[in-house]
Amino acid sequence: MREMCQRGEPNFLIIGNTVYGENEFVIDDVQESVLHWTGGGNVLTNKLDVTFREYVPTGD
């Protein structure tokens, strides 16, 4: 997600097997919070807050 945000390339929003919207979206920001670690210090679960906007081609 962070790499997609840095590239700024539009992509379709797909959750599961469902495509949402008629247009693509650009990720504007990604915030990550680690919620649980294993006893060895590895990330077990984390939370992502993703801000995105719809990308509508201008037809240029």
PDB file of N, CA and C in Angstrom:
ATOM      1  N   MET A   1       0.819  -1.187   0.000  1.00  0.00           N
ATOM      2  CA  MET A   1       0.000   0.000   0.000  1.00  0.00           C
ATOM      3  C   MET A   1       0.869   1.259   0.000  1.00  0.00           C
ATOM      4  N   ARG A   2       1.926   1.229   0.816  1.00  0.00           N
ATOM      5  CA  ARG A   2       2.807   2.406   0.849  1.00  0.00           C
ATOM      6  C   ARG A   2       3.450   2.659  -0.504  1.00  0.00           C
ATOM      7  N   GLU A   3       3.885   1.585  -1.175  1.00  0.00           N
ATOM      8  CA  GLU A   3       4.498   1.741  -2.497  1.00  0.00           C
ATOM      9  C   GLU A   3       3.479   2.277  -3.505  1.00  0.00           C
ATOM     10  N   MET A   4       2.259   1.787  -3.433  1.00  0.00           N
ATOM     11  CA  MET A   4       1.212   2.267  -4.341  1.00  0.00           C
ATOM     12  C   MET A   4       0.953   3.754  -4.093  1.00  0.00           C
ATOM     13  N   CYS A   5       0.979   4.162  -2.828  1.00  0.00           N
ATOM     14  CA  CYS A   5       0.782   5.561  -2.473  1.00  0.00           C
ATOM     15  C   CYS A   5       1.911   6.415  -3.033  1.00  0.00           C
ATOM     16  N   GLN A   6       3.147   5.955  -2.875  1.00  0.00           N
ATOM     17  CA  GLN A   6       4.303   6.708  -3.363  1.00  0.00           C
ATOM     18  C   GLN A   6       4.299   6.846  -4.882  1.00  0.00           C
ATOM     19  N   ARG A   7       3.881   5.793  -5.585  1.00  0.00           N
ATOM     20  CA  ARG A   7       3.829   5.843  -7.050  1.00  0.00           C
ATOM     21  C   ARG A   7       2.711   6.761  -7.547  1.00  0.00           C
ATOM     22  N   GLY A   8       1.622   6.857  -6.802  1.00  0.00           N
ATOM     23  CA  GLY A   8       0.523   7.726  -7.202  1.00  0.00           C
ATOM     24  C   GLY A   8      -0.221   7.266  -8.445  1.00  0.00           C
ATOM     25  N   GLU A   9      -0.103   5.988  -8.761  1.00  0.00           N
ATOM     26  CA  GLU A   9      -0.765   5.461  -9.954  1.00  0.00           C
ATOM     27  C   GLU A   9      -2.203   5.071  -9.639  1.00  0.00           C
ATOM     28  N   PRO A  10      -3.135   5.384 -10.511  1.00  0.00           N
ATOM     29  CA  PRO A  10      -4.523   4.971 -10.291  1.00  0.00           C
ATOM     30  C   PRO A  10      -4.682   3.463 -10.456  1.00  0.00           C
ATOM     31  N   ASN A  11      -5.508   2.875  -9.603  1.00  0.00           N
ATOM     32  CA  ASN A  11      -5.823   1.448  -9.640  1.00  0.00           C
ATOM     33  C   ASN A  11      -7.286   1.262  -9.290  1.00  0.00           C
ATOM     34  N   PHE A  12      -7.845   0.157  -9.709  1.00  0.00           N
ATOM     35  CA  PHE A  12      -9.217  -0.147  -9.322  1.00  0.00           C
ATOM     36  C   PHE A  12      -9.262  -0.564  -7.863  1.00  0.00           C
ATOM     37  N   LEU A  13     -10.328  -0.196  -7.176  1.00  0.00           N
ATOM     38  CA  LEU A  13     -10.538  -0.579  -5.783  1.00  0.00           C
ATOM     39  C   LEU A  13     -11.229  -1.935  -5.773  1.00  0.00           C
ATOM     40  N   ILE A  14     -10.497  -2.951  -5.329  1.00  0.00           N
ATOM     41  CA  ILE A  14     -11.013  -4.315  -5.288  1.00  0.00           C
ATOM     42  C   ILE A  14     -10.941  -4.804  -3.858  1.00  0.00           C
ATOM     43  N   ILE A  15     -12.073  -5.198  -3.314  1.00  0.00           N
ATOM     44  CA  ILE A  15     -12.136  -5.775  -1.975  1.00  0.00           C
ATOM     45  C   ILE A  15     -12.756  -7.150  -2.124  1.00  0.00           C
ATOM     46  N   GLY A  16     -11.993  -8.173  -1.726  1.00  0.00           N
ATOM     47  CA  GLY A  16     -12.431  -9.537  -2.000  1.00  0.00           C
ATOM     48  C   GLY A  16     -12.372  -9.742  -3.502  1.00  0.00           C
ATOM     49  N   ASN A  17     -13.489 -10.119  -4.080  1.00  0.00           N
ATOM     50  CA  ASN A  17     -13.562 -10.287  -5.531  1.00  0.00           C
ATOM     51  C   ASN A  17     -14.440  -9.231  -6.186  1.00  0.00           C
ATOM     52  N   THR A  18     -14.739  -8.158  -5.449  1.00  0.00           N
ATOM     53  CA  THR A  18     -15.647  -7.133  -5.946  1.00  0.00           C
ATOM     54  C   THR A  18     -14.897  -5.866  -6.311  1.00  0.00           C
ATOM     55  N   VAL A  19     -15.127  -5.355  -7.523  1.00  0.00           N
ATOM     56  CA  VAL A  19     -14.571  -4.077  -7.968  1.00  0.00           C
ATOM     57  C   VAL A  19     -15.578  -2.994  -7.611  1.00  0.00           C
ATOM     58  N   TYR A  20     -15.107  -1.945  -6.916  1.00  0.00           N
ATOM     59  CA  TYR A  20     -15.981  -0.858  -6.492  1.00  0.00           C
ATOM     60  C   TYR A  20     -15.764   0.369  -7.368  1.00  0.00           C
ATOM     61  N   GLY A  21     -16.857   0.983  -7.798  1.00  0.00           N
ATOM     62  CA  GLY A  21     -16.800   2.193  -8.598  1.00  0.00           C
ATOM     63  C   GLY A  21     -16.545   1.899 -10.064  1.00  0.00           C
ATOM     64  N   GLU A  22     -16.820   2.899 -10.876  1.00  0.00           N
ATOM     65  CA  GLU A  22     -16.593   2.786 -12.306  1.00  0.00           C
ATOM     66  C   GLU A  22     -15.206   3.288 -12.692  1.00  0.00           C
ATOM     67  N   ASN A  23     -14.610   4.112 -11.832  1.00  0.00           N
ATOM     68  CA  ASN A  23     -13.302   4.687 -12.112  1.00  0.00           C
ATOM     69  C   ASN A  23     -12.255   4.098 -11.173  1.00  0.00           C
ATOM     70  N   GLU A  24     -11.002   4.399 -11.460  1.00  0.00           N
ATOM     71  CA  GLU A  24      -9.914   3.972 -10.603  1.00  0.00           C
ATOM     72  C   GLU A  24      -9.757   4.959  -9.441  1.00  0.00           C
ATOM     73  N   PHE A  25      -8.904   4.599  -8.491  1.00  0.00           N
ATOM     74  CA  PHE A  25      -8.644   5.428  -7.325  1.00  0.00           C
ATOM     75  C   PHE A  25      -7.143   5.598  -7.145  1.00  0.00           C
ATOM     76  N   VAL A  26      -6.756   6.714  -6.520  1.00  0.00           N
ATOM     77  CA  VAL A  26      -5.366   6.985  -6.176  1.00  0.00           C
ATOM     78  C   VAL A  26      -5.273   7.014  -4.658  1.00  0.00           C
ATOM     79  N   ILE A  27      -4.275   6.332  -4.100  1.00  0.00           N
ATOM     80  CA  ILE A  27      -4.069   6.345  -2.652  1.00  0.00           C
ATOM     81  C   ILE A  27      -3.303   7.607  -2.294  1.00  0.00           C
ATOM     82  N   ASP A  28      -3.889   8.431  -1.412  1.00  0.00           N
ATOM     83  CA  ASP A  28      -3.264   9.681  -0.990  1.00  0.00           C
ATOM     84  C   ASP A  28      -2.417   9.520   0.267  1.00  0.00           C
ATOM     85  N   ASP A  29      -2.807   8.599   1.173  1.00  0.00           N
ATOM     86  CA  ASP A  29      -2.085   8.455   2.433  1.00  0.00           C
ATOM     87  C   ASP A  29      -2.329   7.071   3.011  1.00  0.00           C
ATOM     88  N   VAL A  30      -1.307   6.540   3.701  1.00  0.00           N
ATOM     89  CA  VAL A  30      -1.416   5.253   4.386  1.00  0.00           C
ATOM     90  C   VAL A  30      -0.817   5.415   5.775  1.00  0.00           C
ATOM     91  N   GLN A  31      -1.586   5.092   6.800  1.00  0.00           N
ATOM     92  CA  GLN A  31      -1.114   5.095   8.181  1.00  0.00           C
ATOM     93  C   GLN A  31      -1.237   3.681   8.719  1.00  0.00           C
ATOM     94  N   GLU A  32      -0.199   3.216   9.416  1.00  0.00           N
ATOM     95  CA  GLU A  32      -0.175   1.846   9.917  1.00  0.00           C
ATOM     96  C   GLU A  32      -0.013   1.847  11.429  1.00  0.00           C
ATOM     97  N   SER A  33      -0.794   0.997  12.099  1.00  0.00           N
ATOM     98  CA  SER A  33      -0.684   0.807  13.543  1.00  0.00           C
ATOM     99  C   SER A  33      -0.574  -0.680  13.820  1.00  0.00           C
ATOM    100  N   VAL A  34       0.483  -1.087  14.529  1.00  0.00           N
ATOM    101  CA  VAL A  34       0.637  -2.492  14.894  1.00  0.00           C
ATOM    102  C   VAL A  34      -0.229  -2.754  16.128  1.00  0.00           C
ATOM    103  N   LEU A  35      -1.073  -3.780  16.045  1.00  0.00           N
ATOM    104  CA  LEU A  35      -1.992  -4.097  17.142  1.00  0.00           C
ATOM    105  C   LEU A  35      -1.491  -5.228  18.028  1.00  0.00           C
ATOM    106  N   HIS A  36      -0.896  -6.261  17.418  1.00  0.00           N
ATOM    107  CA  HIS A  36      -0.438  -7.421  18.185  1.00  0.00           C
ATOM    108  C   HIS A  36       0.886  -7.941  17.629  1.00  0.00           C
ATOM    109  N   TRP A  37       1.742  -8.381  18.517  1.00  0.00           N
ATOM    110  CA  TRP A  37       3.013  -9.000  18.161  1.00  0.00           C
ATOM    111  C   TRP A  37       3.031 -10.426  18.684  1.00  0.00           C
ATOM    112  N   THR A  38       3.870 -11.247  18.067  1.00  0.00           N
ATOM    113  CA  THR A  38       4.107 -12.590  18.595  1.00  0.00           C
ATOM    114  C   THR A  38       5.118 -12.471  19.733  1.00  0.00           C
ATOM    115  N   GLY A  39       5.325 -13.552  20.466  1.00  0.00           N
ATOM    116  CA  GLY A  39       6.311 -13.546  21.541  1.00  0.00           C
ATOM    117  C   GLY A  39       7.713 -13.262  21.034  1.00  0.00           C
ATOM    118  N   GLY A  40       7.971 -13.556  19.749  1.00  0.00           N
ATOM    119  CA  GLY A  40       9.280 -13.311  19.152  1.00  0.00           C
ATOM    120  C   GLY A  40       9.442 -11.921  18.581  1.00  0.00           C
ATOM    121  N   GLY A  41       8.418 -11.071  18.712  1.00  0.00           N
ATOM    122  CA  GLY A  41       8.503  -9.699  18.225  1.00  0.00           C
ATOM    123  C   GLY A  41       8.055  -9.480  16.799  1.00  0.00           C
ATOM    124  N   ASN A  42       7.497 -10.499  16.156  1.00  0.00           N
ATOM    125  CA  ASN A  42       6.980 -10.345  14.791  1.00  0.00           C
ATOM    126  C   ASN A  42       5.568  -9.782  14.826  1.00  0.00           C
ATOM    127  N   VAL A  43       5.227  -9.004  13.822  1.00  0.00           N
ATOM    128  CA  VAL A  43       3.883  -8.435  13.731  1.00  0.00           C
ATOM    129  C   VAL A  43       2.884  -9.554  13.462  1.00  0.00           C
ATOM    130  N   LEU A  44       1.848  -9.599  14.283  1.00  0.00           N
ATOM    131  CA  LEU A  44       0.790 -10.592  14.113  1.00  0.00           C
ATOM    132  C   LEU A  44      -0.420  -9.959  13.432  1.00  0.00           C
ATOM    133  N   THR A  45      -0.842  -8.796  13.908  1.00  0.00           N
ATOM    134  CA  THR A  45      -1.936  -8.054  13.265  1.00  0.00           C
ATOM    135  C   THR A  45      -1.599  -6.566  13.270  1.00  0.00           C
ATOM    136  N   ASN A  46      -2.060  -5.893  12.241  1.00  0.00           N
ATOM    137  CA  ASN A  46      -1.908  -4.451  12.198  1.00  0.00           C
ATOM    138  C   ASN A  46      -3.137  -3.825  11.566  1.00  0.00           C
ATOM    139  N   LYS A  47      -3.250  -2.534  11.705  1.00  0.00           N
ATOM    140  CA  LYS A  47      -4.399  -1.783  11.183  1.00  0.00           C
ATOM    141  C   LYS A  47      -3.869  -0.761  10.186  1.00  0.00           C
ATOM    142  N   LEU A  48      -4.511  -0.701   9.029  1.00  0.00           N
ATOM    143  CA  LEU A  48      -4.168   0.301   8.023  1.00  0.00           C
ATOM    144  C   LEU A  48      -5.313   1.290   7.885  1.00  0.00           C
ATOM    145  N   ASP A  49      -4.976   2.559   7.896  1.00  0.00           N
ATOM    146  CA  ASP A  49      -5.928   3.619   7.563  1.00  0.00           C
ATOM    147  C   ASP A  49      -5.489   4.163   6.216  1.00  0.00           C
ATOM    148  N   VAL A  50      -6.331   3.988   5.211  1.00  0.00           N
ATOM    149  CA  VAL A  50      -5.986   4.372   3.843  1.00  0.00           C
ATOM    150  C   VAL A  50      -6.919   5.481   3.385  1.00  0.00           C
ATOM    151  N   THR A  51      -6.325   6.555   2.886  1.00  0.00           N
ATOM    152  CA  THR A  51      -7.095   7.662   2.324  1.00  0.00           C
ATOM    153  C   THR A  51      -6.889   7.637   0.818  1.00  0.00           C
ATOM    154  N   PHE A  52      -7.986   7.616   0.083  1.00  0.00           N
ATOM    155  CA  PHE A  52      -7.877   7.585  -1.365  1.00  0.00           C
ATOM    156  C   PHE A  52      -8.924   8.477  -1.988  1.00  0.00           C
ATOM    157  N   ARG A  53      -8.696   8.803  -3.263  1.00  0.00           N
ATOM    158  CA  ARG A  53      -9.654   9.637  -4.002  1.00  0.00           C
ATOM    159  C   ARG A  53      -9.899   9.007  -5.363  1.00  0.00           C
ATOM    160  N   GLU A  54     -11.058   9.266  -5.860  1.00  0.00           N
ATOM    161  CA  GLU A  54     -11.419   8.719  -7.167  1.00  0.00           C
ATOM    162  C   GLU A  54     -10.666   9.449  -8.264  1.00  0.00           C
ATOM    163  N   TYR A  55     -10.121   8.680  -9.192  1.00  0.00           N
ATOM    164  CA  TYR A  55      -9.386   9.239 -10.326  1.00  0.00           C
ATOM    165  C   TYR A  55     -10.309   9.217 -11.540  1.00  0.00           C
ATOM    166  N   VAL A  56     -10.656  10.389 -12.026  1.00  0.00           N
ATOM    167  CA  VAL A  56     -11.520  10.515 -13.192  1.00  0.00           C
ATOM    168  C   VAL A  56     -10.687  11.072 -14.340  1.00  0.00           C
ATOM    169  N   PRO A  57     -10.463  10.292 -15.389  1.00  0.00           N
ATOM    170  CA  PRO A  57      -9.665  10.772 -16.531  1.00  0.00           C
ATOM    171  C   PRO A  57     -10.289  12.017 -17.137  1.00  0.00           C
ATOM    172  N   THR A  58      -9.427  12.940 -17.582  1.00  0.00           N
ATOM    173  CA  THR A  58      -9.907  14.193 -18.153  1.00  0.00           C
ATOM    174  C   THR A  58     -10.137  14.079 -19.653  1.00  0.00           C
ATOM    175  N   GLY A  59      -9.637  13.023 -20.275  1.00  0.00           N
ATOM    176  CA  GLY A  59      -9.838  12.841 -21.705  1.00  0.00           C
ATOM    177  C   GLY A  59      -8.834  13.573 -22.559  1.00  0.00           C
ATOM    178  N   ASP A  60      -7.703  14.002 -21.972  1.00  0.00           N
ATOM    179  CA  ASP A  60      -6.666  14.711 -22.745  1.00  0.00           C
ATOM    180  C   ASP A  60      -5.979  13.798 -23.716  1.00  0.00           C
TER     181      ASP A  60
END
